[in-house]
């Protein structure tokens, strides 16, 4: 099948990616004619796509030559992706140590717009264990990691996300009510950690603590997840100091120093939920 025929059956996003790939591969700006040749699309299709790409800053046009190159937003997206890769690389050795110390699965998660994404995990050696769905977008209005990811956002944004409840391909087993979830987000702001019991998956509970970047921003969320019969409220209190120390070591790897004001307090045990 030729590139031109294949392009006809593609959606608009796939065609836009063809154009972006051509711009990324070119050592210099390209004309519409050159982009059409490189992407296998018609000139009219390229022109329509470029209009949207330029308006969203994914592509830019030289005002003199009228040729096109990648826009500034592609750099921002690339840097955001690189930060996630850096978090994963920094976290994995420490996650393995935490897994060995607790005997439970340890994961690292980040926010992705109004969703949650688990980027990696180190699984428990136990036959009866919990695990994270790596790379699968999850709702940001349920679960322990989501409480911390929302804790650094504005009250208005939290209210919107919780009220809209944008779904994913996973339906939480026992999601909290909007009022309960907002109360838990507010608590996470005070105590610096979050926990959830059988919310996303039945029979699975999770403890989450923050990981900070060099400016004190919330770079990721470190979590311990396990079958609820093992990860009880009492055991969460026992594991919290070890999880917090692990998160601090990862934060140090990312360039955070304690003298910098963090976006959340360091985890502090509090009685009750």
Protein backbone atom coordinates (compact mmCIF):
# COMPACT_ATOMS: atom_id res chain seq x y z
CA UNK A 1 0.00 0.00 0.00
CA UNK A 2 1.43 3.40 -0.98
CA UNK A 3 1.88 6.19 1.56
CA UNK A 4 -0.73 8.27 -0.26
CA UNK A 5 -3.35 5.49 -0.13
CA UNK A 6 -2.55 4.71 3.51
CA UNK A 7 -2.92 8.38 4.45
CA UNK A 8 -6.50 8.44 3.14
CA UNK A 9 -7.60 5.90 5.75
CA UNK A 10 -5.85 7.70 8.61
CA UNK A 11 -7.50 10.03 11.09
CA UNK A 12 -6.61 13.67 11.47
CA UNK A 13 -4.26 13.03 14.39
CA UNK A 14 -2.27 10.45 12.43
CA UNK A 15 -1.99 12.85 9.49
CA UNK A 16 -0.89 15.67 11.77
CA UNK A 17 1.79 13.39 13.22
CA UNK A 18 3.02 12.71 9.67
CA UNK A 19 3.53 16.45 9.20
CA UNK A 20 5.22 16.87 12.59
CA UNK A 21 7.52 13.91 11.89
CA UNK A 22 8.52 15.49 8.59
CA UNK A 23 9.26 18.81 10.29
CA UNK A 24 11.26 17.08 13.03
CA UNK A 25 13.38 15.17 10.49
CA UNK A 26 14.14 18.18 8.30
CA UNK A 27 17.41 20.08 8.93
CA UNK A 28 15.77 23.29 7.71
CA UNK A 29 12.24 24.73 7.39
CA UNK A 30 10.02 23.18 4.70
CA UNK A 31 7.52 24.51 2.21
CA UNK A 32 4.03 23.07 1.88
CA UNK A 33 5.12 21.31 -1.31
CA UNK A 34 8.11 19.72 0.44
CA UNK A 35 5.98 18.71 3.43
CA UNK A 36 3.47 17.07 1.13
CA UNK A 37 6.25 15.09 -0.53
CA UNK A 38 7.81 14.04 2.78
CA UNK A 39 4.54 13.14 4.50
CA UNK A 40 2.76 11.48 1.59
CA UNK A 41 -0.21 13.82 1.98
CA UNK A 42 -1.77 16.15 -0.55
CA UNK A 43 -0.78 19.82 -0.50
CA UNK A 44 -4.33 20.82 0.42
CA UNK A 45 -4.35 18.38 3.35
CA UNK A 46 -0.97 19.65 4.56
CA UNK A 47 -2.17 23.24 4.33
CA UNK A 48 -5.27 22.49 6.43
CA UNK A 49 -3.23 20.63 9.03
CA UNK A 50 -0.63 23.38 9.24
CA UNK A 51 -3.33 25.93 9.98
CA UNK A 52 -4.28 23.99 13.14
CA UNK A 53 -0.69 23.16 14.05
CA UNK A 54 0.36 26.81 13.82
CA UNK A 55 -2.64 28.00 15.84
CA UNK A 56 -1.69 25.56 18.64
CA UNK A 57 2.03 26.45 18.43
CA UNK A 58 2.98 22.91 17.40
CA UNK A 59 4.32 24.40 14.16
CA UNK A 60 5.57 27.86 13.21
CA UNK A 61 5.86 29.70 9.89
CA UNK A 62 8.79 31.91 8.98
CA UNK A 63 7.21 35.29 8.08
CA UNK A 64 9.83 35.92 5.39
CA UNK A 65 10.29 32.57 3.64
CA UNK A 66 6.73 31.33 4.47
CA UNK A 67 8.25 27.95 5.26
CA UNK A 68 7.44 25.86 8.32
CA UNK A 69 9.34 24.41 11.29
CA UNK A 70 8.43 22.90 14.64
CA UNK A 71 6.69 25.25 17.05
CA UNK A 72 7.54 26.11 20.67
CA UNK A 73 4.90 23.81 22.13
CA UNK A 74 6.75 20.75 20.80
CA UNK A 75 9.71 21.75 22.99
CA UNK A 76 7.46 22.08 26.04
CA UNK A 77 5.93 18.67 25.37
CA UNK A 78 9.34 17.10 24.85
CA UNK A 79 10.65 18.60 28.08
CA UNK A 80 7.58 17.34 29.97
CA UNK A 81 8.15 13.85 28.61
CA UNK A 82 11.85 14.03 29.49
CA UNK A 83 11.02 15.01 33.06
CA UNK A 84 8.90 11.89 33.39
CA UNK A 85 11.72 9.75 32.01
CA UNK A 86 14.12 11.39 34.48
CA UNK A 87 11.75 10.70 37.38
CA UNK A 88 11.49 7.06 36.41
CA UNK A 89 15.27 6.67 36.07
CA UNK A 90 15.90 8.33 39.42
CA UNK A 91 13.16 6.43 41.22
CA UNK A 92 13.64 2.81 40.17
CA UNK A 93 16.65 1.87 42.37
CA UNK A 94 14.99 3.40 45.44
CA UNK A 95 11.66 1.80 44.58
CA UNK A 96 13.35 -1.61 44.55
CA UNK A 97 14.75 -0.91 48.03
CA UNK A 98 11.31 0.10 49.30
CA UNK A 99 9.77 -3.03 47.77
CA UNK A 100 12.36 -5.17 49.55
CA UNK A 101 11.80 -3.33 52.85
CA UNK A 102 7.99 -3.57 52.73
CA UNK A 103 7.44 -6.71 50.67
CA UNK A 104 4.83 -4.84 48.63
CA UNK A 105 4.54 -3.44 45.10
CA UNK A 106 5.88 0.10 44.70
CA UNK A 107 4.87 2.45 41.87
CA UNK A 108 5.64 5.94 40.59
CA UNK A 109 2.90 8.12 39.07
CA UNK A 110 2.50 11.52 37.43
CA UNK A 111 -0.38 13.76 36.44
CA UNK A 112 -1.35 13.98 32.78
CA UNK A 113 -3.73 16.93 32.33
CA UNK A 114 -6.92 15.72 34.07
CA UNK A 115 -5.75 12.12 34.32
CA UNK A 116 -3.31 10.02 36.29
CA UNK A 117 -0.57 7.90 34.74
CA UNK A 118 1.48 5.18 36.46
CA UNK A 119 4.87 5.29 34.72
CA UNK A 120 6.63 2.33 36.37
CA UNK A 121 6.54 -0.16 39.21
CA UNK A 122 8.61 -2.72 41.10
CA UNK A 123 6.35 -5.65 41.91
CA UNK A 124 6.14 -7.57 45.15
CA UNK A 125 7.63 -11.07 45.20
CA UNK A 126 4.54 -12.34 47.02
CA UNK A 127 2.19 -14.61 45.08
CA UNK A 128 -0.71 -12.56 46.44
CA UNK A 129 0.17 -9.04 45.33
CA UNK A 130 -1.25 -5.91 43.79
CA UNK A 131 0.10 -4.12 40.75
CA UNK A 132 -0.27 -0.85 38.83
CA UNK A 133 -1.55 -0.52 35.25
CA UNK A 134 1.53 1.05 33.70
CA UNK A 135 0.84 3.63 30.99
CA UNK A 136 -2.94 3.40 31.33
CA UNK A 137 -4.69 6.76 31.87
CA UNK A 138 -6.76 6.70 35.06
CA UNK A 139 -9.28 9.09 36.61
CA UNK A 140 -7.90 11.95 38.69
CA UNK A 141 -10.89 11.95 41.03
CA UNK A 142 -10.23 8.69 42.87
CA UNK A 143 -7.27 6.85 44.39
CA UNK A 144 -4.43 7.83 46.72
CA UNK A 145 -2.00 9.23 44.11
CA UNK A 146 -4.72 11.46 42.67
CA UNK A 147 -5.30 13.07 46.07
CA UNK A 148 -1.69 14.30 46.14
CA UNK A 149 -1.64 15.32 42.48
CA UNK A 150 -4.74 17.46 43.07
CA UNK A 151 -3.51 18.81 46.40
CA UNK A 152 -1.16 21.23 44.60
CA UNK A 153 -3.88 22.55 42.29
CA UNK A 154 -6.30 25.38 42.95
CA UNK A 155 -9.59 24.78 44.72
CA UNK A 156 -11.42 25.85 41.57
CA UNK A 157 -9.59 23.28 39.45
CA UNK A 158 -10.15 20.56 42.03
CA UNK A 159 -13.85 21.34 42.12
CA UNK A 160 -14.10 21.22 38.34
CA UNK A 161 -12.27 17.88 38.01
CA UNK A 162 -14.26 16.27 40.81
CA UNK A 163 -17.60 17.55 39.49
CA UNK A 164 -16.94 16.69 35.84
CA UNK A 165 -15.59 13.21 36.67
CA UNK A 166 -14.11 12.67 33.23
CA UNK A 167 -13.92 8.93 32.73
CA UNK A 168 -11.33 6.56 31.30
CA UNK A 169 -11.54 2.95 30.19
CA UNK A 170 -11.31 1.91 33.85
CA UNK A 171 -14.30 2.33 36.13
CA UNK A 172 -13.28 2.65 39.81
CA UNK A 173 -14.72 -0.02 42.05
CA UNK A 174 -15.72 2.20 44.99
CA UNK A 175 -15.06 5.86 44.15
CA UNK A 176 -15.56 8.41 46.94
CA UNK A 177 -18.24 11.04 46.68
CA UNK A 178 -17.05 14.46 45.47
CA UNK A 179 -17.39 15.81 49.00
CA UNK A 180 -15.37 12.95 50.51
CA UNK A 181 -12.66 13.27 47.90
CA UNK A 182 -12.27 17.03 48.35
CA UNK A 183 -11.98 16.53 52.12
CA UNK A 184 -9.25 13.95 51.55
CA UNK A 185 -7.40 16.29 49.16
CA UNK A 186 -7.50 18.99 51.81
CA UNK A 187 -6.15 16.53 54.36
CA UNK A 188 -3.34 15.54 51.98
CA UNK A 189 -2.37 19.22 51.83
CA UNK A 190 -2.02 19.25 55.61
CA UNK A 191 -0.30 15.94 56.30
CA UNK A 192 1.70 15.34 53.10
CA UNK A 193 0.47 11.85 52.26
CA UNK A 194 -2.70 10.08 51.12
CA UNK A 195 -4.23 6.65 51.31
CA UNK A 196 -7.16 4.91 49.65
CA UNK A 197 -8.88 1.67 50.55
CA UNK A 198 -10.41 -0.48 47.80
CA UNK A 199 -11.37 2.53 45.66
CA UNK A 200 -9.91 1.85 42.24
CA UNK A 201 -9.78 -1.95 42.52
CA UNK A 202 -11.67 -4.18 44.98
CA UNK A 203 -9.42 -5.73 47.60
CA UNK A 204 -6.50 -3.35 46.94
CA UNK A 205 -5.34 -0.43 49.09
CA UNK A 206 -2.64 2.18 48.50
CA UNK A 207 -0.40 4.58 50.43
CA UNK A 208 1.04 7.55 48.50
CA UNK A 209 3.71 10.14 49.33
CA UNK A 210 5.03 13.11 47.30
CA UNK A 211 8.25 13.32 45.31
CA UNK A 212 9.60 16.85 44.79
CA UNK A 213 11.59 18.44 41.98
CA UNK A 214 14.45 20.95 42.33
CA UNK A 215 12.12 23.94 42.82
CA UNK A 216 9.95 22.17 45.38
CA UNK A 217 7.29 21.34 42.81
CA UNK A 218 5.43 18.05 42.96
CA UNK A 219 7.37 15.97 40.42
CA UNK A 220 5.66 12.61 40.99
CA UNK A 221 3.86 10.45 43.52
CA UNK A 222 5.43 7.36 45.08
CA UNK A 223 2.98 4.65 46.17
CA UNK A 224 2.91 1.35 47.99
CA UNK A 225 0.00 -0.85 46.96
CA UNK A 226 -1.05 -4.22 48.33
CA UNK A 227 -4.00 -6.49 49.04
CA UNK A 228 -6.20 -4.82 51.63
CA UNK A 229 -5.84 -7.76 54.00
CA UNK A 230 -2.17 -6.76 54.39
CA UNK A 231 -2.27 -2.99 53.83
CA UNK A 232 -4.50 -2.05 56.75
CA UNK A 233 -4.70 1.38 58.34
CA UNK A 234 -2.34 0.26 61.11
CA UNK A 235 0.20 -1.06 58.62
CA UNK A 236 0.02 2.15 56.63
CA UNK A 237 1.13 4.00 59.76
CA UNK A 238 4.04 1.55 60.08
CA UNK A 239 5.09 1.92 56.42
CA UNK A 240 4.71 5.69 56.17
CA UNK A 241 8.18 6.58 57.57
CA UNK A 242 9.94 4.15 55.20
CA UNK A 243 7.93 5.35 52.21
CA UNK A 244 8.66 8.97 53.15
CA UNK A 245 12.40 8.29 53.38
CA UNK A 246 12.32 6.63 49.97
CA UNK A 247 10.49 9.60 48.44
CA UNK A 248 13.04 11.95 50.02
CA UNK A 249 15.92 10.02 48.42
CA UNK A 250 14.23 10.20 45.01
CA UNK A 251 13.58 13.91 45.50
CA UNK A 252 17.27 14.41 46.27
CA UNK A 253 18.17 12.58 43.05
CA UNK A 254 15.96 15.07 41.18
CA UNK A 255 17.76 18.03 42.75
CA UNK A 256 15.44 18.91 45.62
CA UNK A 257 17.02 20.19 48.83
CA UNK A 258 15.06 20.53 52.09
CA UNK A 259 15.86 24.26 52.34
CA UNK A 260 13.59 24.84 49.32
CA UNK A 261 9.92 25.28 50.21
CA UNK A 262 8.00 22.29 48.86
CA UNK A 263 4.53 22.42 47.36
CA UNK A 264 3.31 19.97 50.03
CA UNK A 265 4.44 19.26 53.60
CA UNK A 266 6.60 16.23 54.31
CA UNK A 267 4.46 13.27 55.38
CA UNK A 268 3.39 13.46 59.00
CA UNK A 269 1.34 10.70 60.65
CA UNK A 270 -2.09 11.85 61.80
CA UNK A 271 -4.54 9.84 63.87
CA UNK A 272 -7.58 8.55 62.01
CA UNK A 273 -8.15 8.66 58.28
